[in-house]
N, C-alpha and C. Protein backbone atom coordinates (compact mmCIF):
# COMPACT_ATOMS: atom_id res chain seq x y z
N MET A 1 -103.54 -33.49 37.94
CA MET A 1 -103.56 -32.22 38.62
C MET A 1 -104.53 -31.31 37.88
N THR A 2 -105.35 -30.55 38.62
CA THR A 2 -106.32 -29.68 37.97
C THR A 2 -105.64 -28.45 37.40
N ARG A 3 -106.27 -27.86 36.39
CA ARG A 3 -105.72 -26.67 35.73
C ARG A 3 -105.47 -25.52 36.72
N PRO A 4 -106.45 -25.16 37.60
CA PRO A 4 -106.18 -24.07 38.55
C PRO A 4 -104.98 -24.34 39.46
N LEU A 5 -104.83 -25.60 39.89
CA LEU A 5 -103.70 -25.92 40.75
C LEU A 5 -102.39 -25.80 39.98
N VAL A 6 -102.39 -26.26 38.73
CA VAL A 6 -101.19 -26.15 37.91
C VAL A 6 -100.83 -24.68 37.72
N LEU A 7 -101.82 -23.84 37.42
CA LEU A 7 -101.56 -22.41 37.24
C LEU A 7 -101.02 -21.78 38.52
N THR A 8 -101.62 -22.13 39.64
CA THR A 8 -101.16 -21.59 40.92
C THR A 8 -99.71 -21.98 41.18
N LEU A 9 -99.38 -23.25 40.94
CA LEU A 9 -98.01 -23.69 41.16
C LEU A 9 -97.04 -23.01 40.20
N ALA A 10 -97.46 -22.83 38.96
CA ALA A 10 -96.59 -22.16 37.99
C ALA A 10 -96.32 -20.72 38.40
N PHE A 11 -97.36 -20.02 38.82
CA PHE A 11 -97.16 -18.64 39.24
C PHE A 11 -96.36 -18.56 40.53
N ALA A 12 -96.60 -19.48 41.45
CA ALA A 12 -95.83 -19.47 42.70
C ALA A 12 -94.35 -19.70 42.41
N ALA A 13 -94.05 -20.58 41.47
CA ALA A 13 -92.65 -20.83 41.12
C ALA A 13 -92.01 -19.59 40.51
N ALA A 14 -92.81 -18.78 39.84
CA ALA A 14 -92.27 -17.58 39.20
C ALA A 14 -92.19 -16.40 40.15
N LEU A 15 -92.77 -16.50 41.31
CA LEU A 15 -92.84 -15.36 42.23
C LEU A 15 -91.52 -14.73 42.61
N PRO A 16 -90.45 -15.45 42.84
CA PRO A 16 -89.24 -14.74 43.22
C PRO A 16 -88.86 -13.66 42.23
N GLY A 17 -89.05 -13.91 40.95
CA GLY A 17 -88.77 -12.88 39.95
C GLY A 17 -89.89 -11.88 39.83
N LEU A 18 -91.13 -12.34 39.98
CA LEU A 18 -92.26 -11.45 39.80
C LEU A 18 -92.40 -10.45 40.93
N ALA A 19 -92.05 -10.84 42.10
CA ALA A 19 -92.32 -10.00 43.26
C ALA A 19 -91.51 -8.72 43.29
N PHE A 20 -90.54 -8.56 42.43
CA PHE A 20 -89.65 -7.43 42.52
C PHE A 20 -89.84 -6.39 41.43
N ALA A 21 -90.84 -6.52 40.61
CA ALA A 21 -90.92 -5.68 39.43
C ALA A 21 -91.60 -4.34 39.65
N ALA A 22 -92.11 -4.06 40.82
CA ALA A 22 -92.85 -2.82 41.01
C ALA A 22 -92.08 -1.60 40.54
N GLY A 23 -92.78 -0.77 39.84
CA GLY A 23 -92.17 0.46 39.38
C GLY A 23 -91.41 0.34 38.10
N GLY A 24 -91.33 -0.80 37.52
CA GLY A 24 -90.61 -0.96 36.26
C GLY A 24 -90.92 -2.29 35.65
N MET A 25 -90.38 -2.52 34.49
CA MET A 25 -90.64 -3.78 33.80
C MET A 25 -89.59 -4.82 34.15
N SER A 26 -88.63 -4.46 34.94
CA SER A 26 -87.59 -5.39 35.34
C SER A 26 -88.14 -6.41 36.31
N THR A 27 -87.68 -7.64 36.22
CA THR A 27 -88.10 -8.67 37.15
C THR A 27 -87.08 -8.89 38.26
N THR A 28 -86.13 -8.00 38.36
CA THR A 28 -85.14 -8.09 39.44
C THR A 28 -85.30 -6.89 40.36
N PRO A 29 -85.01 -7.08 41.63
CA PRO A 29 -85.15 -5.95 42.56
C PRO A 29 -84.11 -4.88 42.26
N PRO A 30 -84.41 -3.64 42.65
CA PRO A 30 -83.39 -2.62 42.48
C PRO A 30 -82.19 -2.93 43.38
N THR A 31 -81.02 -2.61 42.90
CA THR A 31 -79.82 -2.81 43.69
C THR A 31 -79.79 -1.76 44.80
N PRO A 32 -79.71 -2.18 46.05
CA PRO A 32 -79.65 -1.20 47.13
C PRO A 32 -78.42 -0.30 46.99
N THR A 33 -78.63 0.97 47.21
CA THR A 33 -77.53 1.93 47.18
C THR A 33 -77.41 2.53 48.57
N GLU A 34 -76.52 3.48 48.70
CA GLU A 34 -76.36 4.17 49.98
C GLU A 34 -77.66 4.81 50.44
N THR A 35 -78.53 5.15 49.49
CA THR A 35 -79.82 5.77 49.85
C THR A 35 -80.59 4.89 50.81
N THR A 36 -80.66 3.59 50.52
CA THR A 36 -81.45 2.71 51.38
C THR A 36 -80.61 1.93 52.39
N THR A 37 -79.29 1.97 52.26
CA THR A 37 -78.46 1.25 53.23
C THR A 37 -77.86 2.17 54.28
N GLN A 38 -77.76 3.48 53.97
CA GLN A 38 -77.10 4.40 54.91
C GLN A 38 -77.94 5.62 55.29
N CYS A 39 -78.80 6.06 54.39
CA CYS A 39 -79.52 7.32 54.62
C CYS A 39 -80.79 7.11 55.42
N ALA A 40 -81.07 8.07 56.28
CA ALA A 40 -82.28 8.06 57.10
C ALA A 40 -83.49 8.43 56.25
N GLU A 41 -84.67 8.23 56.81
CA GLU A 41 -85.89 8.65 56.12
C GLU A 41 -85.79 10.14 55.81
N GLY A 42 -86.28 10.50 54.63
CA GLY A 42 -86.23 11.90 54.21
C GLY A 42 -84.92 12.29 53.56
N GLN A 43 -84.02 11.30 53.39
CA GLN A 43 -82.72 11.58 52.79
C GLN A 43 -82.43 10.62 51.64
N VAL A 44 -81.58 11.10 50.73
CA VAL A 44 -81.05 10.27 49.64
C VAL A 44 -79.55 10.53 49.57
N TYR A 45 -78.86 9.61 48.94
CA TYR A 45 -77.41 9.75 48.83
C TYR A 45 -77.07 10.61 47.63
N ASP A 46 -76.22 11.60 47.85
CA ASP A 46 -75.76 12.49 46.78
C ASP A 46 -74.34 12.09 46.42
N GLU A 47 -74.18 11.58 45.20
CA GLU A 47 -72.86 11.11 44.74
C GLU A 47 -71.83 12.23 44.77
N ASP A 48 -72.22 13.43 44.34
CA ASP A 48 -71.26 14.54 44.30
C ASP A 48 -70.78 14.93 45.70
N ALA A 49 -71.70 15.00 46.64
CA ALA A 49 -71.35 15.39 48.01
C ALA A 49 -70.79 14.21 48.80
N GLN A 50 -71.00 12.98 48.28
CA GLN A 50 -70.58 11.77 49.00
C GLN A 50 -71.18 11.73 50.40
N ALA A 51 -72.48 12.10 50.46
CA ALA A 51 -73.16 12.15 51.75
C ALA A 51 -74.68 12.03 51.54
N CYS A 52 -75.36 11.70 52.62
CA CYS A 52 -76.81 11.70 52.59
C CYS A 52 -77.28 13.14 52.70
N VAL A 53 -78.23 13.51 51.87
CA VAL A 53 -78.78 14.87 51.88
C VAL A 53 -80.30 14.80 51.95
N ALA A 54 -80.90 15.85 52.43
CA ALA A 54 -82.36 15.91 52.51
C ALA A 54 -82.96 15.85 51.11
N ILE A 55 -84.07 15.15 50.99
CA ILE A 55 -84.77 15.12 49.71
C ILE A 55 -85.38 16.50 49.49
N GLN A 56 -85.08 17.04 48.34
CA GLN A 56 -85.61 18.36 47.97
C GLN A 56 -87.13 18.28 47.90
N GLN A 57 -87.80 19.19 48.57
CA GLN A 57 -89.26 19.16 48.58
C GLN A 57 -89.88 20.33 47.85
N ASP A 58 -89.07 21.21 47.30
CA ASP A 58 -89.57 22.36 46.56
C ASP A 58 -89.72 21.99 45.10
N SER A 59 -90.96 21.80 44.66
CA SER A 59 -91.19 21.38 43.28
C SER A 59 -90.88 22.48 42.28
N ASN A 60 -90.67 23.71 42.75
CA ASN A 60 -90.34 24.83 41.85
C ASN A 60 -88.83 24.99 41.66
N ALA A 61 -88.05 24.32 42.47
CA ALA A 61 -86.59 24.42 42.36
C ALA A 61 -86.10 23.55 41.20
N ALA A 62 -84.86 23.76 40.82
CA ALA A 62 -84.26 22.92 39.79
C ALA A 62 -84.28 21.47 40.27
N PRO A 63 -84.48 20.52 39.37
CA PRO A 63 -84.53 19.11 39.80
C PRO A 63 -83.26 18.70 40.54
N GLN A 64 -83.45 17.94 41.60
CA GLN A 64 -82.33 17.45 42.39
C GLN A 64 -81.57 16.37 41.62
N PHE A 65 -82.29 15.63 40.77
CA PHE A 65 -81.71 14.53 40.00
C PHE A 65 -82.27 14.57 38.58
N ASP A 66 -81.50 14.01 37.64
CA ASP A 66 -82.07 13.89 36.30
C ASP A 66 -83.21 12.88 36.37
N GLN A 67 -84.06 12.88 35.36
CA GLN A 67 -85.29 12.09 35.37
C GLN A 67 -85.03 10.59 35.60
N GLU A 68 -84.07 10.01 34.91
CA GLU A 68 -83.84 8.57 35.06
C GLU A 68 -83.30 8.23 36.44
N ARG A 69 -82.44 9.07 36.98
CA ARG A 69 -81.93 8.84 38.35
C ARG A 69 -83.08 8.95 39.34
N ALA A 70 -83.97 9.92 39.12
CA ALA A 70 -85.12 10.09 40.00
C ALA A 70 -86.01 8.84 39.96
N TYR A 71 -86.27 8.30 38.76
CA TYR A 71 -87.07 7.07 38.67
C TYR A 71 -86.39 5.92 39.39
N ALA A 72 -85.09 5.79 39.23
CA ALA A 72 -84.37 4.72 39.91
C ALA A 72 -84.47 4.87 41.43
N LEU A 73 -84.36 6.09 41.92
CA LEU A 73 -84.48 6.33 43.37
C LEU A 73 -85.89 6.02 43.87
N VAL A 74 -86.90 6.44 43.11
CA VAL A 74 -88.29 6.17 43.51
C VAL A 74 -88.51 4.65 43.60
N ARG A 75 -88.02 3.94 42.61
CA ARG A 75 -88.18 2.48 42.60
C ARG A 75 -87.46 1.85 43.79
N GLU A 76 -86.24 2.28 44.04
CA GLU A 76 -85.48 1.73 45.17
C GLU A 76 -86.18 2.04 46.49
N LEU A 77 -86.63 3.27 46.66
CA LEU A 77 -87.31 3.65 47.91
C LEU A 77 -88.62 2.90 48.08
N ALA A 78 -89.37 2.72 47.00
CA ALA A 78 -90.62 1.96 47.09
C ALA A 78 -90.34 0.51 47.47
N TYR A 79 -89.31 -0.07 46.88
CA TYR A 79 -88.94 -1.44 47.20
C TYR A 79 -88.59 -1.56 48.69
N ALA A 80 -87.96 -0.52 49.24
CA ALA A 80 -87.58 -0.51 50.65
C ALA A 80 -88.75 -0.09 51.56
N GLU A 81 -89.93 0.06 50.97
CA GLU A 81 -91.15 0.46 51.68
C GLU A 81 -91.03 1.86 52.28
N ARG A 82 -90.25 2.70 51.66
CA ARG A 82 -90.13 4.10 52.08
C ARG A 82 -90.99 4.94 51.12
N TYR A 83 -92.29 4.69 51.19
CA TYR A 83 -93.23 5.28 50.24
C TYR A 83 -93.31 6.79 50.33
N GLU A 84 -93.26 7.34 51.53
CA GLU A 84 -93.31 8.80 51.67
C GLU A 84 -92.09 9.45 51.04
N ASP A 85 -90.91 8.85 51.22
CA ASP A 85 -89.70 9.37 50.58
C ASP A 85 -89.82 9.30 49.06
N ALA A 86 -90.34 8.19 48.57
CA ALA A 86 -90.55 8.07 47.12
C ALA A 86 -91.49 9.18 46.64
N GLN A 87 -92.51 9.46 47.41
CA GLN A 87 -93.46 10.51 47.02
C GLN A 87 -92.82 11.90 47.04
N MET A 88 -91.89 12.13 47.95
CA MET A 88 -91.20 13.43 47.94
C MET A 88 -90.46 13.64 46.63
N ILE A 89 -89.83 12.60 46.14
CA ILE A 89 -89.13 12.71 44.85
C ILE A 89 -90.14 12.83 43.72
N LEU A 90 -91.21 12.04 43.76
CA LEU A 90 -92.24 12.12 42.73
C LEU A 90 -92.80 13.54 42.60
N ALA A 91 -92.92 14.24 43.72
CA ALA A 91 -93.49 15.58 43.70
C ALA A 91 -92.64 16.55 42.89
N THR A 92 -91.38 16.24 42.69
CA THR A 92 -90.48 17.13 41.95
C THR A 92 -90.36 16.74 40.47
N MET A 93 -91.05 15.68 40.08
CA MET A 93 -90.89 15.14 38.73
C MET A 93 -92.00 15.63 37.79
N ASP A 94 -91.87 15.29 36.52
CA ASP A 94 -92.84 15.66 35.50
C ASP A 94 -94.16 14.94 35.78
N GLN A 95 -95.16 15.69 36.22
CA GLN A 95 -96.44 15.10 36.62
C GLN A 95 -97.27 14.63 35.44
N ALA A 96 -96.93 15.06 34.24
CA ALA A 96 -97.66 14.63 33.04
C ALA A 96 -97.15 13.29 32.52
N ASP A 97 -96.01 12.83 33.03
CA ASP A 97 -95.42 11.57 32.57
C ASP A 97 -96.20 10.40 33.16
N ASP A 98 -96.58 9.46 32.30
CA ASP A 98 -97.38 8.33 32.78
C ASP A 98 -96.61 7.45 33.76
N ARG A 99 -95.29 7.38 33.64
CA ARG A 99 -94.52 6.60 34.61
C ARG A 99 -94.61 7.24 36.00
N THR A 100 -94.53 8.57 36.04
CA THR A 100 -94.66 9.27 37.32
C THR A 100 -96.01 8.96 37.95
N GLN A 101 -97.06 9.02 37.15
CA GLN A 101 -98.39 8.73 37.68
C GLN A 101 -98.52 7.28 38.12
N THR A 102 -97.86 6.37 37.42
CA THR A 102 -97.89 4.96 37.83
C THR A 102 -97.24 4.79 39.20
N TYR A 103 -96.10 5.44 39.40
CA TYR A 103 -95.44 5.40 40.72
C TYR A 103 -96.31 6.03 41.80
N TRP A 104 -96.96 7.16 41.47
CA TRP A 104 -97.87 7.77 42.44
C TRP A 104 -98.95 6.75 42.83
N GLY A 105 -99.53 6.11 41.83
CA GLY A 105 -100.58 5.14 42.11
C GLY A 105 -100.08 4.01 43.01
N PHE A 106 -98.90 3.48 42.68
CA PHE A 106 -98.34 2.39 43.48
C PHE A 106 -98.12 2.82 44.93
N THR A 107 -97.47 3.98 45.12
CA THR A 107 -97.16 4.41 46.50
C THR A 107 -98.43 4.75 47.27
N HIS A 108 -99.39 5.39 46.61
CA HIS A 108 -100.67 5.66 47.30
C HIS A 108 -101.37 4.36 47.69
N ARG A 109 -101.34 3.39 46.79
CA ARG A 109 -101.99 2.10 47.09
C ARG A 109 -101.33 1.45 48.30
N LYS A 110 -100.01 1.47 48.34
CA LYS A 110 -99.31 0.84 49.45
C LYS A 110 -99.51 1.59 50.77
N LEU A 111 -99.82 2.87 50.67
CA LEU A 111 -100.10 3.66 51.87
C LEU A 111 -101.58 3.60 52.26
N GLY A 112 -102.37 2.78 51.53
CA GLY A 112 -103.78 2.62 51.85
C GLY A 112 -104.66 3.75 51.35
N GLN A 113 -104.17 4.54 50.42
CA GLN A 113 -104.91 5.69 49.89
C GLN A 113 -105.55 5.30 48.55
N SER A 114 -106.60 4.52 48.64
CA SER A 114 -107.23 3.91 47.47
C SER A 114 -107.69 4.93 46.43
N ASP A 115 -108.39 5.97 46.85
CA ASP A 115 -108.91 6.95 45.89
C ASP A 115 -107.77 7.65 45.15
N ARG A 116 -106.74 8.01 45.87
CA ARG A 116 -105.59 8.67 45.24
C ARG A 116 -104.86 7.72 44.29
N ALA A 117 -104.75 6.46 44.70
CA ALA A 117 -104.10 5.46 43.83
C ALA A 117 -104.86 5.34 42.52
N MET A 118 -106.17 5.18 42.61
CA MET A 118 -106.97 5.01 41.39
C MET A 118 -106.91 6.25 40.51
N ALA A 119 -106.93 7.43 41.11
CA ALA A 119 -106.83 8.65 40.32
C ALA A 119 -105.50 8.70 39.57
N ALA A 120 -104.43 8.28 40.22
CA ALA A 120 -103.12 8.28 39.57
C ALA A 120 -103.07 7.24 38.45
N TYR A 121 -103.63 6.06 38.69
CA TYR A 121 -103.65 5.04 37.63
C TYR A 121 -104.44 5.53 36.42
N TYR A 122 -105.60 6.15 36.67
CA TYR A 122 -106.40 6.68 35.57
C TYR A 122 -105.65 7.78 34.83
N SER A 123 -104.93 8.60 35.56
CA SER A 123 -104.12 9.65 34.93
C SER A 123 -103.02 9.03 34.06
N ALA A 124 -102.36 8.00 34.56
CA ALA A 124 -101.32 7.32 33.79
C ALA A 124 -101.90 6.74 32.51
N LEU A 125 -103.07 6.14 32.61
CA LEU A 125 -103.68 5.51 31.44
C LEU A 125 -104.25 6.53 30.47
N ALA A 126 -104.66 7.69 30.97
CA ALA A 126 -105.11 8.75 30.07
C ALA A 126 -103.93 9.25 29.24
N ALA A 127 -102.76 9.32 29.86
CA ALA A 127 -101.55 9.77 29.15
C ALA A 127 -101.02 8.68 28.22
N ASN A 128 -101.17 7.42 28.63
CA ASN A 128 -100.64 6.31 27.83
C ASN A 128 -101.50 5.07 28.07
N PRO A 129 -102.50 4.85 27.21
CA PRO A 129 -103.37 3.68 27.39
C PRO A 129 -102.63 2.34 27.33
N ASP A 130 -101.42 2.33 26.78
CA ASP A 130 -100.63 1.10 26.70
C ASP A 130 -99.69 0.90 27.89
N ASN A 131 -99.88 1.66 28.95
CA ASN A 131 -99.04 1.52 30.14
C ASN A 131 -99.48 0.24 30.87
N LEU A 132 -98.81 -0.85 30.54
CA LEU A 132 -99.19 -2.16 31.08
C LEU A 132 -98.98 -2.25 32.58
N LEU A 133 -97.96 -1.58 33.09
CA LEU A 133 -97.70 -1.63 34.52
C LEU A 133 -98.82 -0.94 35.30
N ALA A 134 -99.27 0.22 34.82
CA ALA A 134 -100.39 0.89 35.48
C ALA A 134 -101.63 -0.01 35.46
N ARG A 135 -101.85 -0.68 34.34
CA ARG A 135 -103.00 -1.59 34.24
C ARG A 135 -102.86 -2.75 35.23
N SER A 136 -101.67 -3.30 35.36
CA SER A 136 -101.45 -4.40 36.29
C SER A 136 -101.67 -3.95 37.73
N TYR A 137 -101.09 -2.82 38.09
CA TYR A 137 -101.26 -2.33 39.46
C TYR A 137 -102.71 -1.98 39.76
N MET A 138 -103.39 -1.38 38.77
CA MET A 138 -104.81 -1.09 38.95
C MET A 138 -105.57 -2.39 39.16
N GLY A 139 -105.28 -3.39 38.32
CA GLY A 139 -105.94 -4.68 38.46
C GLY A 139 -105.66 -5.32 39.80
N GLN A 140 -104.42 -5.20 40.29
CA GLN A 140 -104.09 -5.76 41.60
C GLN A 140 -104.88 -5.05 42.70
N HIS A 141 -105.07 -3.75 42.54
CA HIS A 141 -105.89 -3.02 43.51
C HIS A 141 -107.32 -3.56 43.48
N TYR A 142 -107.84 -3.78 42.27
CA TYR A 142 -109.18 -4.35 42.17
C TYR A 142 -109.27 -5.70 42.86
N VAL A 143 -108.24 -6.53 42.70
CA VAL A 143 -108.22 -7.82 43.39
C VAL A 143 -108.28 -7.60 44.90
N GLU A 144 -107.48 -6.66 45.39
CA GLU A 144 -107.41 -6.41 46.83
C GLU A 144 -108.75 -5.96 47.41
N ILE A 145 -109.56 -5.27 46.61
CA ILE A 145 -110.86 -4.81 47.12
C ILE A 145 -112.01 -5.73 46.69
N GLY A 146 -111.67 -6.85 46.04
CA GLY A 146 -112.67 -7.84 45.68
C GLY A 146 -113.43 -7.57 44.39
N ALA A 147 -112.97 -6.64 43.58
CA ALA A 147 -113.62 -6.32 42.31
C ALA A 147 -112.97 -7.16 41.20
N MET A 148 -113.22 -8.45 41.24
CA MET A 148 -112.54 -9.38 40.34
C MET A 148 -112.88 -9.15 38.87
N ASP A 149 -114.12 -8.76 38.56
CA ASP A 149 -114.47 -8.49 37.16
C ASP A 149 -113.63 -7.34 36.62
N MET A 150 -113.41 -6.32 37.42
CA MET A 150 -112.60 -5.17 36.98
C MET A 150 -111.13 -5.58 36.83
N ALA A 151 -110.66 -6.45 37.72
CA ALA A 151 -109.29 -6.95 37.61
C ALA A 151 -109.13 -7.75 36.32
N ARG A 152 -110.09 -8.60 36.02
CA ARG A 152 -110.03 -9.40 34.79
C ARG A 152 -110.08 -8.51 33.55
N LEU A 153 -110.83 -7.43 33.64
CA LEU A 153 -110.89 -6.48 32.51
C LEU A 153 -109.50 -5.89 32.24
N GLN A 154 -108.76 -5.55 33.30
CA GLN A 154 -107.41 -5.03 33.10
C GLN A 154 -106.48 -6.11 32.53
N LEU A 155 -106.66 -7.35 32.95
CA LEU A 155 -105.85 -8.44 32.41
C LEU A 155 -106.13 -8.60 30.91
N THR A 156 -107.39 -8.51 30.54
CA THR A 156 -107.75 -8.59 29.12
C THR A 156 -107.11 -7.45 28.34
N GLU A 157 -107.13 -6.25 28.91
CA GLU A 157 -106.51 -5.09 28.26
C GLU A 157 -105.01 -5.28 28.10
N ILE A 158 -104.36 -5.80 29.13
CA ILE A 158 -102.91 -6.05 29.05
C ILE A 158 -102.62 -7.01 27.90
N ARG A 159 -103.37 -8.07 27.82
CA ARG A 159 -103.14 -9.06 26.76
C ARG A 159 -103.43 -8.48 25.38
N ALA A 160 -104.47 -7.68 25.27
CA ALA A 160 -104.84 -7.07 23.99
C ALA A 160 -103.80 -6.05 23.52
N ARG A 161 -103.05 -5.52 24.46
CA ARG A 161 -102.05 -4.49 24.14
C ARG A 161 -100.64 -5.09 24.08
N ARG A 162 -100.56 -6.31 23.65
CA ARG A 162 -99.29 -7.02 23.44
C ARG A 162 -98.51 -7.26 24.73
N GLY A 163 -99.25 -7.52 25.79
CA GLY A 163 -98.60 -7.75 27.08
C GLY A 163 -98.53 -9.20 27.50
N ARG A 164 -98.82 -10.11 26.59
CA ARG A 164 -98.75 -11.55 26.95
C ARG A 164 -97.32 -11.90 27.35
N GLU A 165 -97.23 -12.68 28.43
CA GLU A 165 -95.95 -13.17 28.96
C GLU A 165 -95.09 -12.07 29.59
N SER A 166 -95.66 -10.89 29.77
CA SER A 166 -94.92 -9.79 30.42
C SER A 166 -95.10 -9.89 31.93
N TRP A 167 -94.25 -9.16 32.67
CA TRP A 167 -94.41 -9.13 34.12
C TRP A 167 -95.78 -8.58 34.51
N PRO A 168 -96.26 -7.49 33.89
CA PRO A 168 -97.59 -7.01 34.28
C PRO A 168 -98.69 -8.06 34.11
N GLU A 169 -98.64 -8.81 33.02
CA GLU A 169 -99.65 -9.85 32.82
C GLU A 169 -99.51 -10.95 33.86
N LYS A 170 -98.31 -11.45 34.05
CA LYS A 170 -98.10 -12.56 34.98
C LYS A 170 -98.45 -12.18 36.42
N SER A 171 -98.07 -10.99 36.83
CA SER A 171 -98.35 -10.62 38.22
C SER A 171 -99.84 -10.41 38.45
N LEU A 172 -100.53 -9.82 37.46
CA LEU A 172 -101.98 -9.65 37.63
C LEU A 172 -102.70 -10.99 37.55
N ALA A 173 -102.30 -11.85 36.63
CA ALA A 173 -102.91 -13.18 36.55
C ALA A 173 -102.72 -13.94 37.87
N TRP A 174 -101.53 -13.84 38.44
CA TRP A 174 -101.26 -14.49 39.73
C TRP A 174 -102.15 -13.90 40.82
N ALA A 175 -102.30 -12.58 40.82
CA ALA A 175 -103.15 -11.93 41.83
C ALA A 175 -104.60 -12.41 41.69
N ILE A 176 -105.08 -12.50 40.47
CA ILE A 176 -106.45 -12.97 40.24
C ILE A 176 -106.58 -14.43 40.69
N GLU A 177 -105.60 -15.24 40.36
CA GLU A 177 -105.63 -16.66 40.72
C GLU A 177 -105.62 -16.86 42.24
N THR A 178 -104.83 -16.08 42.94
CA THR A 178 -104.68 -16.28 44.39
C THR A 178 -105.59 -15.39 45.23
N GLY A 179 -106.14 -14.35 44.60
CA GLY A 179 -107.02 -13.44 45.33
C GLY A 179 -106.27 -12.38 46.13
N ARG A 180 -105.01 -12.18 45.82
CA ARG A 180 -104.27 -11.13 46.53
C ARG A 180 -103.27 -10.47 45.59
N GLY A 181 -103.09 -9.18 45.81
CA GLY A 181 -102.14 -8.42 45.00
C GLY A 181 -100.72 -8.65 45.46
N GLU A 182 -99.80 -8.23 44.62
CA GLU A 182 -98.38 -8.32 44.98
C GLU A 182 -98.11 -7.43 46.19
N SER A 183 -97.26 -7.90 47.06
CA SER A 183 -96.86 -7.06 48.19
C SER A 183 -95.93 -5.97 47.72
N TYR A 184 -95.34 -6.16 46.56
CA TYR A 184 -94.47 -5.13 45.97
C TYR A 184 -94.67 -5.10 44.49
């Protein structure tokens, strides 16, 4: 068996775990909550009210959720392909945080907003050059637009920054090998 075929088969076998890591380093999908099983678009589940409530869109108001709950909701909504809802929550979060910018980049990329996605990835990397997930998603975007040299550069950066055997490395390597980015 040739080396490229072996690599392709190895990555394909790993895909069930790899395909779910968007928005975090976890290789498992977010557990669906009432937000994605019961609430309509533009709504999230409020544990205190025991009901679906509108996503707060006023970035000047007090945060609707603590930071970690907000990240969990953004990840769950992105996994459910509710990118606009994820962005409503992102708009209320700390914009200087590299994780927030990584999520912005991911959701913009999935909505076909290439320039905005790249700006968010660059912002995430300016805040934290070791953000392996931002590098992986940026590299996957490069794969999607056919800029394979740029994708390989991000893979090299991931490996140089102690990212060997991580989800960001594996998913980007798979994207380069197959010529397509992760659907999630």
